[in-house]
C-alpha atoms as a PDB file:
ATOM      1  CA  MET A   1     -81.339 131.261  11.961  1.00  0.00           C
ATOM      2  CA  PRO A   2     -83.931 128.449  11.841  1.00  0.00           C
ATOM      3  CA  GLY A   3     -87.307 129.377  10.407  1.00  0.00           C
ATOM      4  CA  ARG A   4     -90.822 128.215  11.210  1.00  0.00           C
ATOM      5  CA  ALA A   5     -92.104 124.656  11.023  1.00  0.00           C
ATOM      6  CA  GLU A   6     -93.333 123.986   7.521  1.00  0.00           C
ATOM      7  CA  LEU A   7     -95.803 121.489   6.129  1.00  0.00           C
ATOM      8  CA  LEU A   8     -94.364 120.464   2.781  1.00  0.00           C
ATOM      9  CA  ALA A   9     -97.697 119.119   1.687  1.00  0.00           C
ATOM     10  CA  ILE A  10     -97.571 115.816  -0.168  1.00  0.00           C
ATOM     11  CA  GLU A  11     -94.375 114.529  -1.742  1.00  0.00           C
ATOM     12  CA  ILE A  12     -94.785 112.142  -4.663  1.00  0.00           C
ATOM     13  CA  GLU A  13     -91.504 110.237  -4.668  1.00  0.00           C
ATOM     14  CA  MET A  14     -90.171 107.362  -6.743  1.00  0.00           C
ATOM     15  CA  ARG A  15     -86.696 105.836  -6.754  1.00  0.00           C
ATOM     16  CA  ALA A  16     -84.243 104.061  -9.016  1.00  0.00           C
ATOM     17  CA  ARG A  17     -80.946 102.260  -8.404  1.00  0.00           C
ATOM     18  CA  PHE A  18     -78.279 101.837 -11.078  1.00  0.00           C
ATOM     19  CA  ASP A  19     -74.582 101.295 -11.686  1.00  0.00           C
ATOM     20  CA  GLU A  20     -71.900 103.961 -12.049  1.00  0.00           C
ATOM     21  CA  LEU A  21     -72.102 103.994 -15.857  1.00  0.00           C
ATOM     22  CA  ALA A  22     -75.847 104.702 -15.769  1.00  0.00           C
ATOM     23  CA  HIS A  23     -75.224 107.338 -13.100  1.00  0.00           C
ATOM     24  CA  ASP A  24     -72.710 109.127 -15.334  1.00  0.00           C
ATOM     25  CA  ARG A  25     -75.067 108.971 -18.337  1.00  0.00           C
ATOM     26  CA  LEU A  26     -77.903 110.453 -16.269  1.00  0.00           C
ATOM     27  CA  ILE A  27     -75.736 113.275 -14.939  1.00  0.00           C
ATOM     28  CA  THR A  28     -74.524 114.116 -18.463  1.00  0.00           C
ATOM     29  CA  ARG A  29     -78.085 114.199 -19.815  1.00  0.00           C
ATOM     30  CA  LEU A  30     -79.379 116.358 -16.966  1.00  0.00           C
ATOM     31  CA  GLU A  31     -76.444 118.758 -17.258  1.00  0.00           C
ATOM     32  CA  ARG A  32     -77.283 119.168 -20.945  1.00  0.00           C
ATOM     33  CA  GLU A  33     -81.078 119.355 -20.825  1.00  0.00           C
ATOM     34  CA  GLY A  34     -82.137 119.970 -17.229  1.00  0.00           C
ATOM     35  CA  GLU A  35     -81.747 122.750 -14.674  1.00  0.00           C
ATOM     36  CA  ASP A  36     -78.785 122.135 -12.371  1.00  0.00           C
ATOM     37  CA  LEU A  37     -79.800 123.024  -8.801  1.00  0.00           C
ATOM     38  CA  GLY A  38     -76.357 122.262  -7.401  1.00  0.00           C
ATOM     39  CA  ARG A  39     -74.749 119.955  -4.867  1.00  0.00           C
ATOM     40  CA  ASP A  40     -76.741 119.005  -1.800  1.00  0.00           C
ATOM     41  CA  ASP A  41     -74.527 116.671   0.274  1.00  0.00           C
ATOM     42  CA  LYS A  42     -76.083 115.651   3.595  1.00  0.00           C
ATOM     43  CA  ARG A  43     -75.479 113.618   6.719  1.00  0.00           C
ATOM     44  CA  ILE A  44     -78.743 112.069   7.820  1.00  0.00           C
ATOM     45  CA  TYR A  45     -79.789 110.403  11.063  1.00  0.00           C
ATOM     46  CA  PHE A  46     -82.988 108.543  10.287  1.00  0.00           C
ATOM     47  CA  TYR A  47     -85.378 106.516  12.375  1.00  0.00           C
ATOM     48  CA  VAL A  48     -87.359 103.841  10.538  1.00  0.00           C
ATOM     49  CA  LEU A  49     -90.657 103.531  12.422  1.00  0.00           C
ATOM     50  CA  PRO A  50     -93.522 101.152  11.568  1.00  0.00           C
ATOM     51  CA  ASP A  51     -95.584 103.688   9.584  1.00  0.00           C
ATOM     52  CA  LYS A  52     -93.364 106.759   9.261  1.00  0.00           C
ATOM     53  CA  LEU A  53     -89.814 108.035   8.842  1.00  0.00           C
ATOM     54  CA  LEU A  54     -88.235 110.535  11.243  1.00  0.00           C
ATOM     55  CA  LYS A  55     -85.034 112.283  10.115  1.00  0.00           C
ATOM     56  CA  VAL A  56     -82.498 114.760  11.438  1.00  0.00           C
ATOM     57  CA  THR A  57     -80.600 116.186   8.466  1.00  0.00           C
ATOM     58  CA  ASP A  58     -77.324 118.089   8.531  1.00  0.00           C
ATOM     59  CA  ASN A  59     -77.200 119.712   5.098  1.00  0.00           C
ATOM     60  CA  ILE A  60     -73.457 120.089   4.637  1.00  0.00           C
ATOM     61  CA  ALA A  61     -73.668 121.794   1.237  1.00  0.00           C
ATOM     62  CA  ALA A  62     -76.294 124.367   2.254  1.00  0.00           C
ATOM     63  CA  GLY A  63     -75.038 124.953   5.808  1.00  0.00           C
ATOM     64  CA  SER A  64     -78.482 124.255   7.268  1.00  0.00           C
ATOM     65  CA  ALA A  65     -80.295 121.549   9.217  1.00  0.00           C
ATOM     66  CA  LYS A  66     -83.820 120.287   9.806  1.00  0.00           C
ATOM     67  CA  ILE A  67     -86.031 117.696  11.442  1.00  0.00           C
ATOM     68  CA  THR A  68     -88.421 115.914   9.089  1.00  0.00           C
ATOM     69  CA  LEU A  69     -91.388 113.658   9.774  1.00  0.00           C
ATOM     70  CA  LYS A  70     -92.488 111.738   6.706  1.00  0.00           C
ATOM     71  CA  ALA A  71     -95.735 109.796   7.003  1.00  0.00           C
ATOM     72  CA  GLY A  72     -95.734 106.437   5.247  1.00  0.00           C
ATOM     73  CA  LYS A  73     -92.877 104.075   4.534  1.00  0.00           C
ATOM     74  CA  ILE A  74     -90.765 103.301   1.470  1.00  0.00           C
ATOM     75  CA  GLY A  75     -92.403 100.474  -0.424  1.00  0.00           C
ATOM     76  CA  GLN A  76     -95.923 101.419   0.687  1.00  0.00           C
ATOM     77  CA  GLY A  77     -96.914 103.886  -2.012  1.00  0.00           C
ATOM     78  CA  ALA A  78     -95.389 106.958  -3.662  1.00  0.00           C
ATOM     79  CA  ALA A  79     -97.251 109.696  -1.711  1.00  0.00           C
ATOM     80  CA  PHE A  80     -95.641 110.939   1.519  1.00  0.00           C
ATOM     81  CA  PRO A  81     -97.176 113.774   3.591  1.00  0.00           C
ATOM     82  CA  GLU A  82     -94.164 115.554   5.074  1.00  0.00           C
ATOM     83  CA  THR A  83     -93.562 118.124   7.822  1.00  0.00           C
ATOM     84  CA  GLU A  84     -90.249 119.907   8.434  1.00  0.00           C
ATOM     85  CA  ILE A  85     -88.824 121.986  11.286  1.00  0.00           C
ATOM     86  CA  PRO A  86     -85.664 123.972  10.431  1.00  0.00           C
ATOM     87  CA  ILE A  87     -83.040 123.884  13.191  1.00  0.00           C
ATOM     88  CA  ALA A  88     -79.549 125.294  13.623  1.00  0.00           C
ATOM     89  CA  ARG A  89     -76.694 123.016  12.503  1.00  0.00           C
ATOM     90  CA  GLU A  90     -75.197 123.180  15.990  1.00  0.00           C
ATOM     91  CA  ASP A  91     -78.426 121.639  17.337  1.00  0.00           C
ATOM     92  CA  VAL A  92     -78.219 118.475  15.199  1.00  0.00           C
ATOM     93  CA  ASP A  93     -76.475 116.424  17.894  1.00  0.00           C
ATOM     94  CA  ALA A  94     -78.947 117.579  20.526  1.00  0.00           C
ATOM     95  CA  ALA A  95     -81.903 116.630  18.326  1.00  0.00           C
ATOM     96  CA  VAL A  96     -80.431 113.156  17.790  1.00  0.00           C
ATOM     97  CA  ARG A  97     -79.889 112.748  21.551  1.00  0.00           C
ATOM     98  CA  ILE A  98     -83.499 113.739  22.252  1.00  0.00           C
ATOM     99  CA  PHE A  99     -84.915 111.164  19.822  1.00  0.00           C
ATOM    100  CA  ASN A 100     -82.551 108.500  21.147  1.00  0.00           C
ATOM    101  CA  HIS A 101     -83.617 109.211  24.749  1.00  0.00           C
ATOM    102  CA  LEU A 102     -87.266 109.030  23.673  1.00  0.00           C
ATOM    103  CA  GLY A 103     -86.671 105.370  22.870  1.00  0.00           C
ATOM    104  CA  PHE A 104     -85.898 105.507  19.146  1.00  0.00           C
ATOM    105  CA  GLU A 105     -82.169 104.742  19.379  1.00  0.00           C
ATOM    106  CA  GLY A 106     -82.627 101.136  18.286  1.00  0.00           C
ATOM    107  CA  GLU A 107     -84.294 102.341  15.070  1.00  0.00           C
ATOM    108  CA  MET A 108     -81.635 104.929  14.189  1.00  0.00           C
ATOM    109  CA  HIS A 109     -79.400 104.660  11.136  1.00  0.00           C
ATOM    110  CA  GLU A 110     -76.775 107.159  10.047  1.00  0.00           C
ATOM    111  CA  ALA A 111     -75.881 107.825   6.431  1.00  0.00           C
ATOM    112  CA  PHE A 112     -73.833 110.237   4.347  1.00  0.00           C
ATOM    113  CA  ASN A 113     -75.438 111.104   1.012  1.00  0.00           C
ATOM    114  CA  GLN A 114     -73.542 112.605  -1.893  1.00  0.00           C
ATOM    115  CA  ARG A 115     -76.290 114.380  -3.760  1.00  0.00           C
ATOM    116  CA  ARG A 116     -76.758 116.669  -6.759  1.00  0.00           C
ATOM    117  CA  ASN A 117     -80.159 118.118  -7.564  1.00  0.00           C
ATOM    118  CA  PHE A 118     -81.724 118.828 -10.951  1.00  0.00           C
ATOM    119  CA  ARG A 119     -85.115 119.892 -12.290  1.00  0.00           C
ATOM    120  CA  PHE A 120     -86.345 118.306 -15.536  1.00  0.00           C
ATOM    121  CA  ARG A 121     -89.804 118.800 -17.068  1.00  0.00           C
ATOM    122  CA  GLY A 122     -91.336 119.776 -13.734  1.00  0.00           C
ATOM    123  CA  VAL A 123     -89.794 116.900 -11.783  1.00  0.00           C
ATOM    124  CA  GLU A 124     -87.032 117.371  -9.220  1.00  0.00           C
ATOM    125  CA  ILE A 125     -84.367 114.683  -9.517  1.00  0.00           C
ATOM    126  CA  ALA A 126     -81.775 114.055  -6.811  1.00  0.00           C
ATOM    127  CA  VAL A 127     -78.905 111.968  -8.185  1.00  0.00           C
ATOM    128  CA  LYS A 128     -77.270 110.372  -5.166  1.00  0.00           C
ATOM    129  CA  TRP A 129     -74.749 107.959  -3.735  1.00  0.00           C
ATOM    130  CA  SER A 130     -74.832 106.405  -0.275  1.00  0.00           C
ATOM    131  CA  GLU A 131     -73.220 103.328   1.228  1.00  0.00           C
ATOM    132  CA  ALA A 132     -76.546 101.542   1.648  1.00  0.00           C
ATOM    133  CA  TRP A 133     -78.155 102.448  -1.693  1.00  0.00           C
ATOM    134  CA  GLY A 134     -75.112 102.815  -3.928  1.00  0.00           C
ATOM    135  CA  HIS A 135     -75.806 105.000  -6.997  1.00  0.00           C
ATOM    136  CA  HIS A 136     -79.474 105.938  -7.087  1.00  0.00           C
ATOM    137  CA  ALA A 137     -81.903 108.744  -7.800  1.00  0.00           C
ATOM    138  CA  GLU A 138     -85.095 110.129  -6.309  1.00  0.00           C
ATOM    139  CA  PHE A 139     -87.720 111.605  -8.611  1.00  0.00           C
ATOM    140  CA  GLU A 140     -90.223 113.840  -6.831  1.00  0.00           C
ATOM    141  CA  VAL A 141     -93.065 116.284  -7.267  1.00  0.00           C
ATOM    142  CA  LEU A 142     -94.443 118.344  -4.374  1.00  0.00           C
ATOM    143  CA  LEU A 143     -98.181 118.994  -4.188  1.00  0.00           C
ATOM    144  CA  ALA A 144    -100.432 121.021  -1.896  1.00  0.00           C
ATOM    145  CA  ASP A 145    -101.975 119.013   0.928  1.00  0.00           C
ATOM    146  CA  THR A 146    -105.399 119.805  -0.524  1.00  0.00           C
ATOM    147  CA  SER A 147    -104.580 118.014  -3.793  1.00  0.00           C
ATOM    148  CA  GLY A 148    -107.062 115.378  -4.849  1.00  0.00           C
ATOM    149  CA  GLN A 149    -106.411 111.925  -6.221  1.00  0.00           C
ATOM    150  CA  ALA A 150    -106.354 113.184  -9.802  1.00  0.00           C
ATOM    151  CA  ALA A 151    -103.423 115.506  -9.017  1.00  0.00           C
ATOM    152  CA  LEU A 152    -101.554 112.691  -7.250  1.00  0.00           C
ATOM    153  CA  ASP A 153    -102.104 110.385 -10.228  1.00  0.00           C
ATOM    154  CA  GLU A 154    -100.935 113.088 -12.654  1.00  0.00           C
ATOM    155  CA  ALA A 155     -97.759 113.700 -10.627  1.00  0.00           C
ATOM    156  CA  GLU A 156     -96.954 109.993 -10.555  1.00  0.00           C
ATOM    157  CA  ALA A 157     -97.575 109.745 -14.311  1.00  0.00           C
ATOM    158  CA  ARG A 158     -95.295 112.742 -14.908  1.00  0.00           C
ATOM    159  CA  ILE A 159     -92.493 111.097 -12.904  1.00  0.00           C
ATOM    160  CA  ARG A 160     -92.875 107.847 -14.838  1.00  0.00           C
ATOM    161  CA  ALA A 161     -92.806 109.714 -18.158  1.00  0.00           C
ATOM    162  CA  VAL A 162     -89.659 111.629 -17.189  1.00  0.00           C
ATOM    163  CA  ALA A 163     -87.939 108.429 -16.038  1.00  0.00           C
ATOM    164  CA  ARG A 164     -88.770 106.756 -19.374  1.00  0.00           C
ATOM    165  CA  GLU A 165     -87.438 109.754 -21.289  1.00  0.00           C
ATOM    166  CA  LEU A 166     -84.204 109.592 -19.275  1.00  0.00           C
ATOM    167  CA  ASP A 167     -83.963 105.812 -19.765  1.00  0.00           C
ATOM    168  CA  VAL A 168     -84.159 105.159 -16.011  1.00  0.00           C
ATOM    169  CA  THR A 169     -86.018 102.141 -14.641  1.00  0.00           C
ATOM    170  CA  LEU A 170     -87.964 103.016 -11.506  1.00  0.00           C
ATOM    171  CA  MET A 171     -88.116 100.501  -8.668  1.00  0.00           C
ATOM    172  CA  SER A 172     -91.469  98.849  -8.024  1.00  0.00           C
ATOM    173  CA  GLU A 173     -93.114  99.085  -4.606  1.00  0.00           C
ATOM    174  CA  GLN A 174     -92.205  95.439  -4.002  1.00  0.00           C
ATOM    175  CA  GLU A 175     -88.572  96.045  -4.930  1.00  0.00           C
ATOM    176  CA  LEU A 176     -88.464  99.023  -2.570  1.00  0.00           C
ATOM    177  CA  ALA A 177     -90.085  97.059   0.242  1.00  0.00           C
ATOM    178  CA  ASP A 178     -87.701  94.112  -0.238  1.00  0.00           C
ATOM    179  CA  PHE A 179     -84.637  96.362  -0.387  1.00  0.00           C
ATOM    180  CA  THR A 180     -85.514  98.363   2.728  1.00  0.00           C
ATOM    181  CA  ALA A 181     -86.455  95.198   4.658  1.00  0.00           C
ATOM    182  CA  ALA A 182     -83.084  93.640   3.793  1.00  0.00           C
ATOM    183  CA  PHE A 183     -81.275  96.832   4.810  1.00  0.00           C
ATOM    184  CA  GLU A 184     -83.108  97.017   8.142  1.00  0.00           C
ATOM    185  CA  ALA A 185     -82.411  93.328   8.864  1.00  0.00           C
ATOM    186  CA  ALA A 186     -78.715  93.786   8.074  1.00  0.00           C
ATOM    187  CA  GLU A 187     -78.557  96.841  10.345  1.00  0.00           C
ATOM    188  CA  ARG A 188     -80.220  94.959  13.206  1.00  0.00           C
ATOM    189  CA  ALA A 189     -77.730  92.108  12.802  1.00  0.00           C
ATOM    190  CA  ARG A 190     -74.803  94.542  12.665  1.00  0.00           C
ATOM    191  CA  LYS A 191     -75.953  96.325  15.841  1.00  0.00           C
ATOM    192  CA  ALA A 192     -76.544  93.022  17.640  1.00  0.00           C
ATOM    193  CA  GLY A 193     -73.024  91.894  16.697  1.00  0.00           C
ATOM    194  CA  ALA A 194     -71.527  95.164  17.882  1.00  0.00           C
ATOM    195  CA  GLU A 195     -73.200  94.714  21.266  1.00  0.00           C
ATOM    196  CA  GLN A 196     -71.734  91.239  21.839  1.00  0.00           C
ATOM    197  CA  PRO A 197     -68.829  91.229  24.306  1.00  0.00           C
ATOM    198  CA  THR A 198     -65.431  90.392  22.867  1.00  0.00           C
ATOM    199  CA  THR A 199     -64.048  87.056  24.047  1.00  0.00           C
ATOM    200  CA  VAL A 200     -60.366  87.063  24.941  1.00  0.00           C
ATOM    201  CA  ARG A 201     -58.665  83.800  24.050  1.00  0.00           C
END
């Protein structure tokens, strides 16, 4: 049964993209030295808004679902205040319909993420694959919403140190911004093409 809405404070999140060989090396290292938190495959319906990200997540592996509002946008800093509302899995389609009818349908993207979670030196690491991102990983630390700048800086430094130790190159804010802008442009073009009527010759 869905629980109460939950403010997940501030998420310090950084990302990396890599090839399959680097993915396999990272998994092997984390299996050996980290804490394996298990598979976490998800189907996500996400709405890319000008200054925030709205998501409806069907967590296939856990048998749960949620709505998430993440303030900020990828490529505009590593700190993301985040609020979640757990919902029943059978309500995922209804939640998507509601957001579409509210006028967000043009901003919606759907993705399936293969995901396996680990914890390493106080950092949670989601090693993932999706069609848009390919092999990639998210490094994150969650902080209380009352955390000051010093705590945010320390969390970011911890993520960078862990990535260096694991021989993973984190994407810069500019790289993230460029990648997401290219993805959004490609999605707009794909949707525009799909809406064009077919000409019979």
